[in-house]
């Protein structure tokens, strides 16, 4: 989606350029027509943008005229992640949790109105799949990690974010009513972790808790996913998750409340 041209911070050609990059990154390979049709741009303007991206090494054009991302785009993203010095410690924690609890362990952060997965470990090669993979986005309100992060925000901030999100049901269990969602938030704040009981995907159960920095702000959340979640499973998984997250927070000089 191209940014609103009436935004005072908007520079049209730059907004359109990033929109092209984001679109191609989501689709893998696209023709010029696919790009300008999806973004509702004219052919000439789109051609100038993709040519500039090709010239600067961000897009590659194959023999059929289709465009795809180059590794230059990937390298920029990797540099951003590597600047986050706590990632190494988080990876070790995810690996340990995945191995000991036989779950898929992920670390995600809030990116505007969505949840962005930065790391994912499946040490036991679980026989079920998780829709969200590294680099992919999911909904804040329908995931345990997203709800865990939101639980650290003020009620007014949550309401403001809610009004800007595309709220819809992914399964019959997705919470789409704001008042019901806030009841869930209050429970999360009390017990220290969030659950996703098939709210984002049928057959997928997740438990998540936020990672809080010294300023009491969530830098992200760790979530554990499984294909079943009995009361006994929840007790075991949540206990392991909270224990390891508190240990991680201590190692990173963070305090978990």
C-alpha atoms as a PDB file:
ATOM      1  CA  UNK A   1       0.000   0.000   0.000  1.00  0.00           C
ATOM      2  CA  UNK A   2       1.419   3.388  -1.027  1.00  0.00           C
ATOM      3  CA  UNK A   3       1.630   5.876   1.815  1.00  0.00           C
ATOM      4  CA  UNK A   4      -0.956   8.657   2.011  1.00  0.00           C
ATOM      5  CA  UNK A   5       0.298  11.464  -0.226  1.00  0.00           C
ATOM      6  CA  UNK A   6      -1.305  14.046   2.103  1.00  0.00           C
ATOM      7  CA  UNK A   7       1.013  13.044   4.940  1.00  0.00           C
ATOM      8  CA  UNK A   8       3.253  16.083   5.572  1.00  0.00           C
ATOM      9  CA  UNK A   9       6.215  13.729   6.108  1.00  0.00           C
ATOM     10  CA  UNK A  10       5.623  11.979   2.788  1.00  0.00           C
ATOM     11  CA  UNK A  11       7.986  12.245  -0.188  1.00  0.00           C
ATOM     12  CA  UNK A  12       6.055  10.638  -3.003  1.00  0.00           C
ATOM     13  CA  UNK A  13       8.842   9.043  -5.025  1.00  0.00           C
ATOM     14  CA  UNK A  14      10.532   7.659  -1.897  1.00  0.00           C
ATOM     15  CA  UNK A  15       7.243   6.292  -0.552  1.00  0.00           C
ATOM     16  CA  UNK A  16       6.550   4.612  -3.879  1.00  0.00           C
ATOM     17  CA  UNK A  17      10.066   3.163  -4.016  1.00  0.00           C
ATOM     18  CA  UNK A  18       9.730   1.542  -0.605  1.00  0.00           C
ATOM     19  CA  UNK A  19       6.262   0.311  -1.515  1.00  0.00           C
ATOM     20  CA  UNK A  20       7.736  -1.439  -4.563  1.00  0.00           C
ATOM     21  CA  UNK A  21      10.481  -3.051  -2.447  1.00  0.00           C
ATOM     22  CA  UNK A  22       8.007  -4.244   0.183  1.00  0.00           C
ATOM     23  CA  UNK A  23       5.634  -5.609  -2.445  1.00  0.00           C
ATOM     24  CA  UNK A  24       8.343  -7.551  -4.272  1.00  0.00           C
ATOM     25  CA  UNK A  25       9.695  -8.896  -0.971  1.00  0.00           C
ATOM     26  CA  UNK A  26       6.269 -10.340  -0.183  1.00  0.00           C
ATOM     27  CA  UNK A  27       5.730 -11.903  -3.601  1.00  0.00           C
ATOM     28  CA  UNK A  28       9.222 -13.098  -4.502  1.00  0.00           C
ATOM     29  CA  UNK A  29       9.171 -12.296  -8.212  1.00  0.00           C
ATOM     30  CA  UNK A  30       6.878  -9.903 -10.084  1.00  0.00           C
ATOM     31  CA  UNK A  31       6.452  -8.460 -13.551  1.00  0.00           C
ATOM     32  CA  UNK A  32       6.285  -4.714 -14.110  1.00  0.00           C
ATOM     33  CA  UNK A  33       2.546  -4.988 -14.759  1.00  0.00           C
ATOM     34  CA  UNK A  34       1.995  -6.927 -11.529  1.00  0.00           C
ATOM     35  CA  UNK A  35       3.802  -4.208  -9.589  1.00  0.00           C
ATOM     36  CA  UNK A  36       2.051  -1.140 -10.972  1.00  0.00           C
ATOM     37  CA  UNK A  37      -1.330  -2.866 -10.899  1.00  0.00           C
ATOM     38  CA  UNK A  38      -0.958  -3.910  -7.266  1.00  0.00           C
ATOM     39  CA  UNK A  39       0.157  -0.428  -6.185  1.00  0.00           C
ATOM     40  CA  UNK A  40      -2.234   1.436  -8.478  1.00  0.00           C
ATOM     41  CA  UNK A  41       0.615   3.375 -10.108  1.00  0.00           C
ATOM     42  CA  UNK A  42       1.096   4.298 -13.748  1.00  0.00           C
ATOM     43  CA  UNK A  43       3.451   2.209 -15.869  1.00  0.00           C
ATOM     44  CA  UNK A  44       5.964   4.958 -16.620  1.00  0.00           C
ATOM     45  CA  UNK A  45       6.480   5.945 -12.978  1.00  0.00           C
ATOM     46  CA  UNK A  46       6.837   2.331 -11.909  1.00  0.00           C
ATOM     47  CA  UNK A  47       9.351   1.635 -14.651  1.00  0.00           C
ATOM     48  CA  UNK A  48      11.541   4.549 -13.511  1.00  0.00           C
ATOM     49  CA  UNK A  49      11.429   3.265  -9.927  1.00  0.00           C
ATOM     50  CA  UNK A  50      12.319  -0.346 -10.735  1.00  0.00           C
ATOM     51  CA  UNK A  51      15.075   0.768 -13.112  1.00  0.00           C
ATOM     52  CA  UNK A  52      16.576   2.886 -10.328  1.00  0.00           C
ATOM     53  CA  UNK A  53      16.357  -0.039  -7.904  1.00  0.00           C
ATOM     54  CA  UNK A  54      18.031  -2.332 -10.423  1.00  0.00           C
ATOM     55  CA  UNK A  55      20.788   0.235 -11.057  1.00  0.00           C
ATOM     56  CA  UNK A  56      21.420   0.553  -7.314  1.00  0.00           C
ATOM     57  CA  UNK A  57      21.526  -3.181  -6.809  1.00  0.00           C
ATOM     58  CA  UNK A  58      18.317  -3.667  -4.810  1.00  0.00           C
ATOM     59  CA  UNK A  59      16.308  -5.451  -7.512  1.00  0.00           C
ATOM     60  CA  UNK A  60      17.298  -7.963 -10.151  1.00  0.00           C
ATOM     61  CA  UNK A  61      15.565  -8.282 -13.542  1.00  0.00           C
ATOM     62  CA  UNK A  62      15.573 -11.744 -15.097  1.00  0.00           C
ATOM     63  CA  UNK A  63      15.363 -12.742 -18.763  1.00  0.00           C
ATOM     64  CA  UNK A  64      11.559 -12.819 -18.595  1.00  0.00           C
ATOM     65  CA  UNK A  65      11.374  -9.271 -17.289  1.00  0.00           C
ATOM     66  CA  UNK A  66      10.406 -10.227 -13.741  1.00  0.00           C
ATOM     67  CA  UNK A  67      11.849  -8.402 -10.762  1.00  0.00           C
ATOM     68  CA  UNK A  68      13.083  -9.892  -7.483  1.00  0.00           C
ATOM     69  CA  UNK A  69      15.067  -8.732  -4.462  1.00  0.00           C
ATOM     70  CA  UNK A  70      18.833  -9.025  -4.468  1.00  0.00           C
ATOM     71  CA  UNK A  71      20.997  -9.948  -1.495  1.00  0.00           C
ATOM     72  CA  UNK A  72      21.769  -6.267  -1.000  1.00  0.00           C
ATOM     73  CA  UNK A  73      18.309  -5.785   0.523  1.00  0.00           C
ATOM     74  CA  UNK A  74      18.869  -8.843   2.695  1.00  0.00           C
ATOM     75  CA  UNK A  75      22.249  -7.546   3.868  1.00  0.00           C
ATOM     76  CA  UNK A  76      20.727  -4.291   5.082  1.00  0.00           C
ATOM     77  CA  UNK A  77      18.185  -6.176   7.164  1.00  0.00           C
ATOM     78  CA  UNK A  78      20.851  -8.460   8.601  1.00  0.00           C
ATOM     79  CA  UNK A  79      22.990  -5.464   9.602  1.00  0.00           C
ATOM     80  CA  UNK A  80      20.038  -4.001  11.495  1.00  0.00           C
ATOM     81  CA  UNK A  81      19.495  -7.263  13.371  1.00  0.00           C
ATOM     82  CA  UNK A  82      23.193  -7.652  14.165  1.00  0.00           C
ATOM     83  CA  UNK A  83      23.280  -4.252  15.809  1.00  0.00           C
ATOM     84  CA  UNK A  84      20.869  -5.630  18.393  1.00  0.00           C
ATOM     85  CA  UNK A  85      23.488  -7.115  20.715  1.00  0.00           C
ATOM     86  CA  UNK A  86      21.005  -9.157  22.715  1.00  0.00           C
ATOM     87  CA  UNK A  87      20.077 -11.377  19.758  1.00  0.00           C
ATOM     88  CA  UNK A  88      22.836 -13.901  20.534  1.00  0.00           C
ATOM     89  CA  UNK A  89      21.528 -14.419  24.061  1.00  0.00           C
ATOM     90  CA  UNK A  90      17.969 -14.652  22.809  1.00  0.00           C
ATOM     91  CA  UNK A  91      18.941 -17.327  20.296  1.00  0.00           C
ATOM     92  CA  UNK A  92      20.499 -19.411  23.061  1.00  0.00           C
ATOM     93  CA  UNK A  93      17.335 -19.096  25.150  1.00  0.00           C
ATOM     94  CA  UNK A  94      15.082 -19.997  22.232  1.00  0.00           C
ATOM     95  CA  UNK A  95      17.187 -23.037  21.415  1.00  0.00           C
ATOM     96  CA  UNK A  96      17.061 -24.211  25.036  1.00  0.00           C
ATOM     97  CA  UNK A  97      13.302 -23.711  25.335  1.00  0.00           C
ATOM     98  CA  UNK A  98      12.593 -25.447  22.043  1.00  0.00           C
ATOM     99  CA  UNK A  99      14.761 -28.414  22.961  1.00  0.00           C
ATOM    100  CA  UNK A 100      13.571 -28.877  26.553  1.00  0.00           C
ATOM    101  CA  UNK A 101       9.856 -28.255  25.994  1.00  0.00           C
ATOM    102  CA  UNK A 102       9.594 -29.693  22.464  1.00  0.00           C
ATOM    103  CA  UNK A 103       8.002 -26.558  21.055  1.00  0.00           C
ATOM    104  CA  UNK A 104       8.716 -23.988  18.371  1.00  0.00           C
ATOM    105  CA  UNK A 105      10.316 -21.009  20.112  1.00  0.00           C
ATOM    106  CA  UNK A 106      10.266 -17.535  18.557  1.00  0.00           C
ATOM    107  CA  UNK A 107      11.350 -14.007  19.336  1.00  0.00           C
ATOM    108  CA  UNK A 108       9.248 -11.228  17.807  1.00  0.00           C
ATOM    109  CA  UNK A 109       9.029  -7.463  18.008  1.00  0.00           C
ATOM    110  CA  UNK A 110       6.329  -4.940  17.317  1.00  0.00           C
ATOM    111  CA  UNK A 111       6.719  -3.270  13.926  1.00  0.00           C
ATOM    112  CA  UNK A 112       4.112  -0.492  13.659  1.00  0.00           C
ATOM    113  CA  UNK A 113       0.737  -2.276  13.868  1.00  0.00           C
ATOM    114  CA  UNK A 114       2.086  -5.781  13.323  1.00  0.00           C
ATOM    115  CA  UNK A 115       4.256  -8.428  14.939  1.00  0.00           C
ATOM    116  CA  UNK A 116       7.558  -9.152  13.189  1.00  0.00           C
ATOM    117  CA  UNK A 117       9.317 -12.468  13.806  1.00  0.00           C
ATOM    118  CA  UNK A 118      13.109 -12.081  14.119  1.00  0.00           C
ATOM    119  CA  UNK A 119      14.163 -15.537  15.333  1.00  0.00           C
ATOM    120  CA  UNK A 120      12.608 -19.010  15.269  1.00  0.00           C
ATOM    121  CA  UNK A 121      13.915 -22.316  16.659  1.00  0.00           C
ATOM    122  CA  UNK A 122      12.447 -25.778  16.191  1.00  0.00           C
ATOM    123  CA  UNK A 123      15.071 -28.025  17.784  1.00  0.00           C
ATOM    124  CA  UNK A 124      12.936 -31.163  17.713  1.00  0.00           C
ATOM    125  CA  UNK A 125      11.594 -30.613  14.189  1.00  0.00           C
ATOM    126  CA  UNK A 126       7.976 -30.557  15.320  1.00  0.00           C
ATOM    127  CA  UNK A 127       5.430 -32.346  13.175  1.00  0.00           C
ATOM    128  CA  UNK A 128       3.295 -29.210  12.894  1.00  0.00           C
ATOM    129  CA  UNK A 129       3.897 -25.896  11.183  1.00  0.00           C
ATOM    130  CA  UNK A 130       3.733 -22.301  12.345  1.00  0.00           C
ATOM    131  CA  UNK A 131       2.517 -19.767   9.811  1.00  0.00           C
ATOM    132  CA  UNK A 132       4.869 -17.058  11.034  1.00  0.00           C
ATOM    133  CA  UNK A 133       8.470 -17.505   9.971  1.00  0.00           C
ATOM    134  CA  UNK A 134      11.516 -15.264  10.346  1.00  0.00           C
ATOM    135  CA  UNK A 135      10.920 -11.988   8.556  1.00  0.00           C
ATOM    136  CA  UNK A 136       7.157 -12.487   8.374  1.00  0.00           C
ATOM    137  CA  UNK A 137       4.487 -10.398  10.049  1.00  0.00           C
ATOM    138  CA  UNK A 138       1.368 -11.433  11.951  1.00  0.00           C
ATOM    139  CA  UNK A 139      -1.346  -9.689  13.940  1.00  0.00           C
ATOM    140  CA  UNK A 140      -0.595  -8.219  17.352  1.00  0.00           C
ATOM    141  CA  UNK A 141      -4.081  -8.895  18.691  1.00  0.00           C
ATOM    142  CA  UNK A 142      -4.304 -12.550  17.632  1.00  0.00           C
ATOM    143  CA  UNK A 143      -0.930 -13.877  18.793  1.00  0.00           C
ATOM    144  CA  UNK A 144       0.472 -14.608  22.235  1.00  0.00           C
ATOM    145  CA  UNK A 145       3.627 -12.567  21.541  1.00  0.00           C
ATOM    146  CA  UNK A 146       1.606  -9.628  20.245  1.00  0.00           C
ATOM    147  CA  UNK A 147      -0.750  -9.664  23.209  1.00  0.00           C
ATOM    148  CA  UNK A 148       2.179 -10.001  25.594  1.00  0.00           C
ATOM    149  CA  UNK A 149       3.787  -6.865  24.131  1.00  0.00           C
ATOM    150  CA  UNK A 150       0.503  -4.933  24.139  1.00  0.00           C
ATOM    151  CA  UNK A 151      -0.091  -5.852  27.789  1.00  0.00           C
ATOM    152  CA  UNK A 152       2.868  -3.635  28.726  1.00  0.00           C
ATOM    153  CA  UNK A 153       1.232  -0.568  27.147  1.00  0.00           C
ATOM    154  CA  UNK A 154      -1.190   1.854  28.768  1.00  0.00           C
ATOM    155  CA  UNK A 155      -4.869   1.195  28.081  1.00  0.00           C
ATOM    156  CA  UNK A 156      -5.160   4.380  26.016  1.00  0.00           C
ATOM    157  CA  UNK A 157      -2.192   3.385  23.879  1.00  0.00           C
ATOM    158  CA  UNK A 158      -3.719  -0.038  23.251  1.00  0.00           C
ATOM    159  CA  UNK A 159      -7.009   1.591  22.246  1.00  0.00           C
ATOM    160  CA  UNK A 160      -5.208   3.911  19.812  1.00  0.00           C
ATOM    161  CA  UNK A 161      -3.372   0.983  18.237  1.00  0.00           C
ATOM    162  CA  UNK A 162      -6.565  -1.073  18.062  1.00  0.00           C
ATOM    163  CA  UNK A 163      -8.315   1.670  16.099  1.00  0.00           C
ATOM    164  CA  UNK A 164      -5.537   1.566  13.493  1.00  0.00           C
ATOM    165  CA  UNK A 165      -5.428  -2.203  13.090  1.00  0.00           C
ATOM    166  CA  UNK A 166      -7.391  -4.244  10.580  1.00  0.00           C
ATOM    167  CA  UNK A 167      -9.340  -6.281  13.127  1.00  0.00           C
ATOM    168  CA  UNK A 168     -10.793  -9.474  11.713  1.00  0.00           C
ATOM    169  CA  UNK A 169     -11.336 -13.068  12.766  1.00  0.00           C
ATOM    170  CA  UNK A 170      -8.848 -15.666  11.546  1.00  0.00           C
ATOM    171  CA  UNK A 171     -10.632 -18.468  13.405  1.00  0.00           C
ATOM    172  CA  UNK A 172     -13.840 -18.658  15.454  1.00  0.00           C
ATOM    173  CA  UNK A 173     -11.667 -18.031  18.535  1.00  0.00           C
ATOM    174  CA  UNK A 174     -10.102 -14.757  17.441  1.00  0.00           C
ATOM    175  CA  UNK A 175     -10.998 -11.912  19.807  1.00  0.00           C
ATOM    176  CA  UNK A 176     -12.366  -9.057  17.710  1.00  0.00           C
ATOM    177  CA  UNK A 177     -14.270  -7.097  20.381  1.00  0.00           C
ATOM    178  CA  UNK A 178     -12.158  -4.439  22.091  1.00  0.00           C
ATOM    179  CA  UNK A 179     -13.753  -4.794  25.529  1.00  0.00           C
ATOM    180  CA  UNK A 180     -13.217  -8.558  25.475  1.00  0.00           C
ATOM    181  CA  UNK A 181      -9.655  -8.010  24.318  1.00  0.00           C
ATOM    182  CA  UNK A 182      -8.960  -5.673  27.238  1.00  0.00           C
ATOM    183  CA  UNK A 183     -10.265  -8.297  29.666  1.00  0.00           C
ATOM    184  CA  UNK A 184      -7.655 -10.615  28.188  1.00  0.00           C
ATOM    185  CA  UNK A 185      -4.980  -7.932  28.618  1.00  0.00           C
ATOM    186  CA  UNK A 186      -5.816  -7.564  32.324  1.00  0.00           C
ATOM    187  CA  UNK A 187      -5.408 -11.319  32.792  1.00  0.00           C
ATOM    188  CA  UNK A 188      -2.068 -11.254  30.978  1.00  0.00           C
ATOM    189  CA  UNK A 189      -0.780  -8.460  33.196  1.00  0.00           C
ATOM    190  CA  UNK A 190      -1.746 -10.422  36.302  1.00  0.00           C
ATOM    191  CA  UNK A 191      -0.187 -13.777  35.400  1.00  0.00           C
ATOM    192  CA  UNK A 192       2.761 -12.539  33.314  1.00  0.00           C
ATOM    193  CA  UNK A 193       2.097 -14.412  30.076  1.00  0.00           C
ATOM    194  CA  UNK A 194      -0.358 -14.488  27.168  1.00  0.00           C
ATOM    195  CA  UNK A 195      -1.928 -17.408  25.345  1.00  0.00           C
ATOM    196  CA  UNK A 196      -3.146 -17.913  21.813  1.00  0.00           C
ATOM    197  CA  UNK A 197      -5.760 -20.668  21.883  1.00  0.00           C
ATOM    198  CA  UNK A 198      -6.177 -21.212  18.138  1.00  0.00           C
ATOM    199  CA  UNK A 199      -6.863 -17.486  17.680  1.00  0.00           C
ATOM    200  CA  UNK A 200      -4.468 -16.944  14.785  1.00  0.00           C
ATOM    201  CA  UNK A 201      -4.546 -20.403  13.249  1.00  0.00           C
ATOM    202  CA  UNK A 202      -6.615 -23.532  13.866  1.00  0.00           C
ATOM    203  CA  UNK A 203      -4.615 -26.264  15.573  1.00  0.00           C
ATOM    204  CA  UNK A 204      -1.981 -23.837  16.849  1.00  0.00           C
ATOM    205  CA  UNK A 205      -1.545 -23.003  20.536  1.00  0.00           C
ATOM    206  CA  UNK A 206       1.008 -20.476  21.803  1.00  0.00           C
ATOM    207  CA  UNK A 207       2.248 -19.056  25.089  1.00  0.00           C
ATOM    208  CA  UNK A 208       4.141 -15.751  25.102  1.00  0.00           C
ATOM    209  CA  UNK A 209       5.727 -13.313  27.524  1.00  0.00           C
ATOM    210  CA  UNK A 210       7.310  -9.885  27.006  1.00  0.00           C
ATOM    211  CA  UNK A 211      10.981  -9.048  27.377  1.00  0.00           C
ATOM    212  CA  UNK A 212      11.194  -5.755  29.265  1.00  0.00           C
ATOM    213  CA  UNK A 213      14.130  -3.352  29.310  1.00  0.00           C
ATOM    214  CA  UNK A 214      15.405  -1.205  32.186  1.00  0.00           C
ATOM    215  CA  UNK A 215      12.960   1.538  31.210  1.00  0.00           C
ATOM    216  CA  UNK A 216      10.062  -0.911  31.613  1.00  0.00           C
ATOM    217  CA  UNK A 217       9.423  -1.005  27.878  1.00  0.00           C
ATOM    218  CA  UNK A 218       8.900  -4.215  25.914  1.00  0.00           C
ATOM    219  CA  UNK A 219      11.682  -4.781  23.392  1.00  0.00           C
ATOM    220  CA  UNK A 220       9.808  -7.806  22.107  1.00  0.00           C
ATOM    221  CA  UNK A 221       8.324 -11.105  23.237  1.00  0.00           C
ATOM    222  CA  UNK A 222       9.259 -14.766  23.352  1.00  0.00           C
ATOM    223  CA  UNK A 223       6.539 -17.213  22.332  1.00  0.00           C
ATOM    224  CA  UNK A 224       6.333 -21.007  22.385  1.00  0.00           C
ATOM    225  CA  UNK A 225       4.070 -22.826  19.937  1.00  0.00           C
ATOM    226  CA  UNK A 226       2.617 -26.322  20.027  1.00  0.00           C
ATOM    227  CA  UNK A 227      -0.215 -28.310  18.448  1.00  0.00           C
ATOM    228  CA  UNK A 228      -1.905 -29.079  21.773  1.00  0.00           C
ATOM    229  CA  UNK A 229      -2.190 -27.311  25.103  1.00  0.00           C
ATOM    230  CA  UNK A 230      -3.788 -29.104  28.042  1.00  0.00           C
ATOM    231  CA  UNK A 231      -3.869 -27.479  31.483  1.00  0.00           C
ATOM    232  CA  UNK A 232      -0.819 -29.535  32.415  1.00  0.00           C
ATOM    233  CA  UNK A 233       0.956 -28.456  29.217  1.00  0.00           C
ATOM    234  CA  UNK A 234       0.151 -24.817  29.902  1.00  0.00           C
ATOM    235  CA  UNK A 235       1.511 -25.027  33.427  1.00  0.00           C
ATOM    236  CA  UNK A 236       4.732 -26.687  32.264  1.00  0.00           C
ATOM    237  CA  UNK A 237       5.297 -24.430  29.255  1.00  0.00           C
ATOM    238  CA  UNK A 238       4.454 -21.167  31.023  1.00  0.00           C
ATOM    239  CA  UNK A 239       6.691 -22.080  33.974  1.00  0.00           C
ATOM    240  CA  UNK A 240       9.620 -22.860  31.681  1.00  0.00           C
ATOM    241  CA  UNK A 241       9.007 -19.766  29.579  1.00  0.00           C
ATOM    242  CA  UNK A 242       8.851 -17.370  32.531  1.00  0.00           C
ATOM    243  CA  UNK A 243      11.887 -18.940  34.170  1.00  0.00           C
ATOM    244  CA  UNK A 244      14.058 -18.710  31.071  1.00  0.00           C
ATOM    245  CA  UNK A 245      12.837 -15.223  30.191  1.00  0.00           C
ATOM    246  CA  UNK A 246      13.680 -13.981  33.677  1.00  0.00           C
ATOM    247  CA  UNK A 247      17.106 -15.561  33.361  1.00  0.00           C
ATOM    248  CA  UNK A 248      17.573 -13.950  29.960  1.00  0.00           C
ATOM    249  CA  UNK A 249      16.460 -10.593  31.322  1.00  0.00           C
ATOM    250  CA  UNK A 250      18.992 -10.844  34.114  1.00  0.00           C
ATOM    251  CA  UNK A 251      21.743 -11.672  31.639  1.00  0.00           C
ATOM    252  CA  UNK A 252      20.807  -8.651  29.560  1.00  0.00           C
ATOM    253  CA  UNK A 253      20.475  -6.413  32.620  1.00  0.00           C
ATOM    254  CA  UNK A 254      16.732  -6.234  32.096  1.00  0.00           C
ATOM    255  CA  UNK A 255      14.157  -6.616  34.829  1.00  0.00           C
ATOM    256  CA  UNK A 256      10.982  -8.624  34.273  1.00  0.00           C
ATOM    257  CA  UNK A 257       7.993  -7.370  36.244  1.00  0.00           C
END
